[in-house]
C-alpha cells in the first residue's frame, strides 16, 4: 500500500495478489489495477501462467515481488515473458520462516532455482544484506538495503487511551507493559513471561499485555499459570487497534530471538514510547542502546526484568528516550524515504534499457 500510494504518480502500478481482504479494497480505492492471483499452493502452474498473462497484457517493464511463493511465481513468469527487470524484497529469508524443515527445504530449493533471474534484491536491513552475501553468495552489487518506513503523521504520542485500559479493567496509574506480534518461537515471548515473577516482586500491580495469535499461545498461557503470574498477564489475541494499544502501554518489550526489521518497533518509536528489545540483527539497526531504547541479550529473562524495572524507576529519563526515538524515526524511517529510495532503484534499472 505504501509503495502503491507513493509511486502511482510516477509509474503505472499494477498489483497481482491473493484476492479479498483489506489489501484489494484499499488498492482499488487508490485507483490501482488489481489482478487476483491464487497463491495458496506452493507449486501452481496456473498461478505462474496467470502472472505471465498479466505481464504480457499490461506490457510490464519491471516486476517487484515479495514473499516466498510470490517470488517463485513472479521469477518464472517474468522469465517466460522476457521481462527486462525483475527484483524482489526480502524482509525475512526462508531460513527464518516458522515452518516445518521439509517445507523450508522446498522453499530454499525454489529460491536457488530462480535467484539467477533477479536483477536486484531489496533487503530491509544491513544484516540481511550480509546474510545474502555470505550465505547465498549473491554479489553485493545486486543487493540494495532500504529500511521499512511508516506514515509518521498517523502516529500521535499522547493520544487518548482511556477506553482501552477500561476495556481490560486497568486503572490509569497501573504500569502496563506491552508485547505485540505473532506467537511463534522467533518472538521469544516466553522469556518475557519468565521475567515477570522478578518484576512483580518490586511492582506487584504491574500488568503485561500480549497482543497476537499463533501456535504458541496455549504454551504461553500455561507458562504464566506455572509461574503464578496469570493474574498479571493479559492475552488479548489479534487486535487491529495497534496505535491505541501503543498509546495505552507504558513501554514496549520486543524479546525476539530472530527478526528481519520489526515494524512494531518503528511504530512504538513514532508514538514516543520507551522500548526494551533484544540486541539481535535487525533491531540493532533501529535502536541505539541507552539513546532511543534499551537493548538486552536474547533469551535472558533476568536482563529483561532489570531493564523493565529501570524504566519504571526512571520516568523522566525514559521520557527523554521516547522523545529521541520519535526524532529518530522521523529522520531515518519515514515512508517517504522508503518510497523515494525504492523509486531510485526502479529508475536505475529502467534507465539501463
Protein backbone atom coordinates (compact mmCIF):
# COMPACT_ATOMS: atom_id res chain seq x y z
CA UNK A 1 0.00 0.00 0.00
CA UNK A 2 2.81 2.41 0.85
CA UNK A 3 4.55 1.79 -2.46
CA UNK A 4 1.30 1.89 -4.44
CA UNK A 5 0.36 5.24 -2.93
CA UNK A 6 3.83 6.74 -3.21
CA UNK A 7 4.71 5.56 -6.73
CA UNK A 8 1.44 5.75 -8.65
CA UNK A 9 2.01 9.35 -9.75
CA UNK A 10 5.32 8.45 -11.42
CA UNK A 11 4.56 4.89 -12.56
CA UNK A 12 1.57 2.95 -13.75
CA UNK A 13 1.23 0.44 -10.93
CA UNK A 14 -0.48 -2.95 -11.12
CA UNK A 15 -0.79 -5.48 -8.29
CA UNK A 16 -1.14 -9.25 -8.58
CA UNK A 17 -2.05 -10.76 -5.23
CA UNK A 18 -4.40 -13.02 -3.31
CA UNK A 19 -8.00 -11.81 -3.77
CA UNK A 20 -10.17 -10.46 -0.99
CA UNK A 21 -9.38 -8.66 2.22
CA UNK A 22 -8.19 -5.20 3.05
CA UNK A 23 -5.34 -5.01 0.51
CA UNK A 24 -7.56 -5.47 -2.54
CA UNK A 25 -10.12 -2.93 -1.31
CA UNK A 26 -7.58 -0.25 -0.47
CA UNK A 27 -5.64 -0.69 -3.72
CA UNK A 28 -8.82 -0.34 -5.76
CA UNK A 29 -9.75 2.79 -3.80
CA UNK A 30 -6.38 4.24 -4.85
CA UNK A 31 -7.21 3.55 -8.49
CA UNK A 32 -4.51 0.89 -8.80
CA UNK A 33 -5.00 -2.05 -11.16
CA UNK A 34 -5.59 -5.20 -9.07
CA UNK A 35 -5.34 -8.72 -10.51
CA UNK A 36 -6.42 -11.61 -8.29
CA UNK A 37 -3.93 -14.49 -8.31
CA UNK A 38 -4.40 -17.58 -6.17
CA UNK A 39 -1.23 -18.33 -4.20
CA UNK A 40 -2.36 -20.88 -1.63
CA UNK A 41 -0.44 -23.72 -3.31
CA UNK A 42 3.36 -23.82 -3.17
CA UNK A 43 3.56 -25.06 -6.76
CA UNK A 44 0.95 -23.79 -9.21
CA UNK A 45 1.37 -23.69 -12.98
CA UNK A 46 -1.94 -21.86 -13.16
CA UNK A 47 -0.62 -19.01 -10.97
CA UNK A 48 2.58 -18.73 -13.00
CA UNK A 49 0.63 -18.61 -16.27
CA UNK A 50 -1.74 -16.01 -14.82
CA UNK A 51 1.15 -13.71 -13.82
CA UNK A 52 2.77 -14.27 -17.21
CA UNK A 53 -0.50 -13.23 -18.88
CA UNK A 54 -0.69 -10.05 -16.76
CA UNK A 55 2.90 -9.11 -17.63
CA UNK A 56 2.27 -9.55 -21.35
CA UNK A 57 -1.16 -7.89 -21.47
CA UNK A 58 -0.10 -4.89 -19.40
CA UNK A 59 3.32 -4.64 -21.10
CA UNK A 60 5.01 -4.58 -17.71
CA UNK A 61 8.57 -3.20 -17.65
CA UNK A 62 9.51 -4.20 -14.10
CA UNK A 63 8.26 -6.90 -11.73
CA UNK A 64 8.74 -6.45 -7.99
CA UNK A 65 7.79 -9.38 -5.74
CA UNK A 66 7.80 -10.13 -2.02
CA UNK A 67 7.17 -13.43 -0.24
CA UNK A 68 8.47 -16.94 -0.96
CA UNK A 69 5.61 -18.05 -3.23
CA UNK A 70 5.20 -14.68 -4.90
CA UNK A 71 8.95 -14.60 -5.62
CA UNK A 72 8.93 -18.09 -7.14
CA UNK A 73 5.87 -17.48 -9.31
CA UNK A 74 6.96 -13.99 -10.42
CA UNK A 75 10.51 -15.06 -11.34
CA UNK A 76 9.35 -17.92 -13.54
CA UNK A 77 6.54 -15.87 -15.11
CA UNK A 78 8.92 -12.99 -15.74
CA UNK A 79 11.44 -15.26 -17.42
CA UNK A 80 8.71 -16.76 -19.63
CA UNK A 81 7.51 -13.29 -20.61
CA UNK A 82 11.02 -11.99 -21.25
CA UNK A 83 10.57 -9.25 -18.64
CA UNK A 84 13.62 -6.96 -18.73
CA UNK A 85 13.72 -6.21 -14.97
CA UNK A 86 12.88 -8.48 -12.04
CA UNK A 87 13.53 -7.61 -8.40
CA UNK A 88 12.30 -8.78 -5.02
CA UNK A 89 12.16 -7.55 -1.43
CA UNK A 90 13.37 -9.84 1.34
CA UNK A 91 12.12 -8.97 4.82
CA UNK A 92 12.78 -12.43 6.23
CA UNK A 93 14.78 -15.11 4.36
CA UNK A 94 13.21 -18.55 4.09
CA UNK A 95 15.75 -19.83 6.64
CA UNK A 96 13.86 -17.87 9.29
CA UNK A 97 10.34 -19.00 8.33
CA UNK A 98 8.26 -20.64 11.07
CA UNK A 99 7.57 -23.78 9.03
CA UNK A 100 8.49 -27.45 9.15
CA UNK A 101 12.02 -28.45 8.00
CA UNK A 102 10.86 -30.26 4.84
CA UNK A 103 8.76 -27.33 3.71
CA UNK A 104 11.63 -24.95 4.45
CA UNK A 105 13.93 -27.14 2.36
CA UNK A 106 11.48 -26.97 -0.56
CA UNK A 107 11.23 -23.16 -0.33
CA UNK A 108 15.02 -22.86 -0.22
CA UNK A 109 15.32 -25.12 -3.29
CA UNK A 110 12.85 -22.89 -5.15
CA UNK A 111 14.95 -19.88 -4.19
CA UNK A 112 18.15 -21.47 -5.50
CA UNK A 113 16.48 -22.40 -8.78
CA UNK A 114 15.25 -18.88 -9.50
CA UNK A 115 17.70 -16.47 -7.81
CA UNK A 116 19.62 -16.03 -11.05
CA UNK A 117 16.71 -14.22 -12.72
CA UNK A 118 16.61 -11.48 -10.05
CA UNK A 119 18.35 -8.29 -11.15
CA UNK A 120 18.21 -6.61 -7.72
CA UNK A 121 17.43 -7.83 -4.23
CA UNK A 122 15.99 -5.24 -1.84
CA UNK A 123 16.60 -6.10 1.81
CA UNK A 124 15.22 -4.31 4.86
CA UNK A 125 18.40 -4.36 6.98
CA UNK A 126 22.17 -4.42 6.65
CA UNK A 127 22.27 -7.75 8.50
CA UNK A 128 20.09 -9.31 5.78
CA UNK A 129 22.42 -7.91 3.13
CA UNK A 130 25.39 -9.55 4.86
CA UNK A 131 23.46 -12.83 5.08
CA UNK A 132 22.73 -12.85 1.33
CA UNK A 133 26.36 -12.11 0.53
CA UNK A 134 27.91 -14.59 2.96
CA UNK A 135 25.39 -17.45 2.92
CA UNK A 136 23.92 -17.28 -0.58
CA UNK A 137 26.97 -15.86 -2.36
CA UNK A 138 24.93 -13.15 -4.03
CA UNK A 139 27.18 -10.31 -5.27
CA UNK A 140 26.92 -7.13 -3.20
CA UNK A 141 26.12 -5.00 -6.26
CA UNK A 142 22.89 -6.97 -6.74
CA UNK A 143 21.65 -6.07 -3.24
CA UNK A 144 20.19 -2.76 -2.03
CA UNK A 145 19.25 -2.04 1.57
CA UNK A 146 16.09 0.04 2.00
CA UNK A 147 14.71 0.40 5.51
CA UNK A 148 10.99 -0.05 6.05
CA UNK A 149 9.12 3.17 6.69
CA UNK A 150 5.95 4.22 8.45
CA UNK A 151 3.44 7.05 7.99
CA UNK A 152 4.74 9.18 10.84
CA UNK A 153 1.90 11.71 10.62
CA UNK A 154 -0.54 8.95 11.61
CA UNK A 155 1.17 8.38 14.97
CA UNK A 156 0.43 10.89 17.70
CA UNK A 157 2.17 10.48 21.07
CA UNK A 158 -0.22 11.05 23.93
CA UNK A 159 -3.49 10.22 22.12
CA UNK A 160 -6.37 9.21 24.40
CA UNK A 161 -6.02 5.62 25.63
CA UNK A 162 -8.51 5.50 28.47
CA UNK A 163 -11.03 3.38 26.59
CA UNK A 164 -8.51 0.62 26.03
CA UNK A 165 -7.46 0.44 29.67
CA UNK A 166 -11.09 0.46 30.78
CA UNK A 167 -11.77 -2.48 28.44
CA UNK A 168 -9.32 -4.57 30.44
CA UNK A 169 -10.19 -3.15 33.84
CA UNK A 170 -6.82 -1.44 34.28
CA UNK A 171 -6.53 1.79 36.27
CA UNK A 172 -4.62 4.62 34.63
CA UNK A 173 -1.90 4.55 37.32
CA UNK A 174 -1.10 0.82 36.90
CA UNK A 175 2.09 0.14 34.87
CA UNK A 176 1.23 -1.63 31.61
CA UNK A 177 3.92 -3.44 29.61
CA UNK A 178 3.11 -4.44 26.03
CA UNK A 179 4.44 -7.09 23.65
CA UNK A 180 2.96 -7.31 20.17
CA UNK A 181 3.47 -9.90 17.43
CA UNK A 182 2.73 -13.42 16.24
CA UNK A 183 3.05 -16.00 18.97
CA UNK A 184 5.81 -18.01 17.35
CA UNK A 185 9.21 -19.12 18.65
CA UNK A 186 11.09 -16.30 16.91
CA UNK A 187 9.34 -13.67 19.04
CA UNK A 188 10.65 -15.04 22.36
CA UNK A 189 7.51 -14.17 24.36
CA UNK A 190 8.24 -16.93 26.87
CA UNK A 191 11.33 -15.04 28.05
CA UNK A 192 9.17 -12.01 28.82
CA UNK A 193 6.78 -14.19 30.85
CA UNK A 194 9.75 -15.73 32.67
CA UNK A 195 10.86 -12.21 33.65
CA UNK A 196 7.51 -11.33 35.25
CA UNK A 197 7.98 -13.03 38.68
CA UNK A 198 11.05 -10.85 39.33
CA UNK A 199 9.23 -7.70 38.20
CA UNK A 200 6.11 -8.25 40.31
CA UNK A 201 8.22 -8.69 43.42
CA UNK A 202 9.01 -4.97 43.08
CA UNK A 203 5.81 -3.81 41.33
CA UNK A 204 3.03 -6.30 42.25
CA UNK A 205 0.29 -4.43 40.38
CA UNK A 206 2.12 -4.37 37.00
CA UNK A 207 0.23 -5.80 34.03
CA UNK A 208 1.66 -7.41 30.90
CA UNK A 209 -0.32 -7.23 27.68
CA UNK A 210 0.50 -9.77 24.96
CA UNK A 211 -1.18 -8.96 21.65
CA UNK A 212 -1.28 -11.51 18.84
CA UNK A 213 -2.19 -15.05 17.89
CA UNK A 214 -0.12 -18.06 16.93
CA UNK A 215 0.78 -21.67 17.66
CA UNK A 216 2.49 -20.90 20.98
CA UNK A 217 -0.42 -19.10 22.62
CA UNK A 218 -1.52 -22.08 24.76
CA UNK A 219 2.06 -22.70 25.81
CA UNK A 220 2.46 -19.08 26.91
CA UNK A 221 -0.77 -19.21 28.87
CA UNK A 222 0.33 -22.43 30.58
CA UNK A 223 3.71 -20.88 31.43
CA UNK A 224 2.07 -17.88 33.08
CA UNK A 225 -0.05 -20.29 35.18
CA UNK A 226 3.02 -22.34 36.07
CA UNK A 227 4.92 -19.24 37.21
CA UNK A 228 1.84 -17.99 39.13
CA UNK A 229 1.65 -14.70 37.24
CA UNK A 230 -1.52 -15.41 35.25
CA UNK A 231 -3.35 -12.56 37.01
CA UNK A 232 -0.69 -10.14 35.75
CA UNK A 233 -0.85 -11.33 32.13
CA UNK A 234 -3.46 -10.32 29.55
CA UNK A 235 -3.57 -12.37 26.34
CA UNK A 236 -5.51 -10.05 24.06
CA UNK A 237 -5.40 -12.11 20.85
CA UNK A 238 -5.36 -10.42 17.46
CA UNK A 239 -6.09 -6.68 17.53
CA UNK A 240 -6.29 -4.10 14.77
CA UNK A 241 -6.18 -1.03 17.06
CA UNK A 242 -2.40 -1.09 17.45
CA UNK A 243 -1.98 2.70 17.66
CA UNK A 244 -4.42 2.85 20.58
CA UNK A 245 -2.65 -0.06 22.29
CA UNK A 246 0.73 1.61 21.86
CA UNK A 247 -0.70 4.77 23.38
CA UNK A 248 -2.07 2.84 26.37
CA UNK A 249 1.09 0.92 27.28
CA UNK A 250 3.91 2.45 29.30
CA UNK A 251 6.61 0.61 27.38
CA UNK A 252 7.01 -1.93 24.59
CA UNK A 253 9.06 -5.09 25.03
CA UNK A 254 10.42 -6.95 21.99
CA UNK A 255 12.07 -10.12 23.37
CA UNK A 256 12.74 -11.63 19.94
CA UNK A 257 15.30 -14.30 19.08
CA UNK A 258 15.15 -13.71 15.31
CA UNK A 259 13.90 -10.69 13.35
CA UNK A 260 14.17 -9.03 9.98
CA UNK A 261 13.30 -5.40 10.69
CA UNK A 262 10.26 -5.31 13.03
CA UNK A 263 7.70 -2.66 12.16
CA UNK A 264 6.24 -2.66 15.68
CA UNK A 265 9.46 -1.06 16.95
CA UNK A 266 9.16 1.76 14.42
CA UNK A 267 5.51 2.26 15.40
CA UNK A 268 6.36 2.43 19.10
CA UNK A 269 9.21 4.85 18.36
CA UNK A 270 6.78 7.05 16.44
CA UNK A 271 4.49 7.04 19.49
CA UNK A 272 7.42 8.17 21.67
CA UNK A 273 7.37 5.02 23.78
CA UNK A 274 10.36 3.63 25.68
CA UNK A 275 11.34 0.23 24.27
CA UNK A 276 13.18 -2.74 25.70
CA UNK A 277 14.36 -5.08 22.94
CA UNK A 278 16.95 -7.75 22.30
CA UNK A 279 20.29 -6.80 20.74
CA UNK A 280 19.90 -9.00 17.67
CA UNK A 281 20.41 -8.37 13.94
CA UNK A 282 17.81 -6.00 12.54
CA UNK A 283 16.83 -4.49 15.88
CA UNK A 284 20.32 -3.05 16.50
CA UNK A 285 19.86 -1.02 13.30
CA UNK A 286 16.72 0.55 14.77
CA UNK A 287 17.70 1.18 18.39
CA UNK A 288 20.87 2.67 19.87
CA UNK A 289 21.19 1.32 23.39
CA UNK A 290 20.59 3.97 26.04
CA UNK A 291 19.79 6.66 23.48
CA UNK A 292 16.42 5.75 21.96
CA UNK A 293 15.74 2.45 23.71
CA UNK A 294 17.28 -0.23 25.91
CA UNK A 295 18.87 -3.37 24.44
CA UNK A 296 19.37 -6.64 26.32
CA UNK A 297 20.75 -10.06 25.37
CA UNK A 298 18.22 -12.50 23.87
CA UNK A 299 16.86 -15.44 25.91
CA UNK A 300 17.66 -13.59 29.14
CA UNK A 301 14.65 -13.07 31.47
CA UNK A 302 16.80 -11.52 34.19
CA UNK A 303 18.11 -8.83 31.84
CA UNK A 304 14.55 -8.13 30.66
CA UNK A 305 13.34 -7.76 34.23
CA UNK A 306 16.20 -5.41 35.13
CA UNK A 307 15.57 -3.20 32.08
CA UNK A 308 11.80 -3.04 32.65
CA UNK A 309 12.24 -2.14 36.32
CA UNK A 310 14.73 0.55 35.30
CA UNK A 311 12.08 2.15 33.09
CA UNK A 312 9.56 2.02 35.94
CA UNK A 313 12.01 3.78 38.27
CA UNK A 314 13.46 6.40 35.89
CA UNK A 315 10.38 8.02 34.43
CA UNK A 316 11.94 11.32 33.34
CA UNK A 317 14.91 9.63 31.66
CA UNK A 318 12.58 7.29 29.81
CA UNK A 319 10.53 10.22 28.54
CA UNK A 320 13.73 11.63 27.01
CA UNK A 321 14.46 8.24 25.41
CA UNK A 322 10.94 8.16 23.99
CA UNK A 323 11.40 11.65 22.53
CA UNK A 324 14.73 10.62 20.98
CA UNK A 325 13.02 7.57 19.47
CA UNK A 326 10.36 9.76 17.85
CA UNK A 327 13.03 12.05 16.39
CA UNK A 328 14.99 9.09 15.02
CA UNK A 329 12.02 7.53 13.26
CA UNK A 330 11.20 10.90 11.69
CA UNK A 331 14.70 11.25 10.24
CA UNK A 332 15.52 7.64 9.34
CA UNK A 333 12.38 5.55 8.94
CA UNK A 334 9.69 7.60 7.19
CA UNK A 335 7.59 6.06 4.44
CA UNK A 336 8.56 8.95 2.16
CA UNK A 337 12.23 7.98 2.47
CA UNK A 338 11.43 4.32 1.77
CA UNK A 339 9.36 5.17 -1.33
CA UNK A 340 12.00 7.61 -2.63
CA UNK A 341 14.79 5.03 -2.32
CA UNK A 342 12.66 2.34 -3.99
CA UNK A 343 11.92 4.71 -6.86
CA UNK A 344 15.66 5.33 -7.28
CA UNK A 345 16.22 1.57 -7.64
CA UNK A 346 13.44 1.30 -10.22
CA UNK A 347 14.84 4.17 -12.26
CA UNK A 348 18.42 2.88 -12.12
CA UNK A 349 17.18 -0.37 -13.70
CA UNK A 350 14.80 1.16 -16.23
CA UNK A 351 17.41 3.64 -17.46
CA UNK A 352 19.73 0.76 -18.42
CA UNK A 353 17.41 -0.25 -21.28
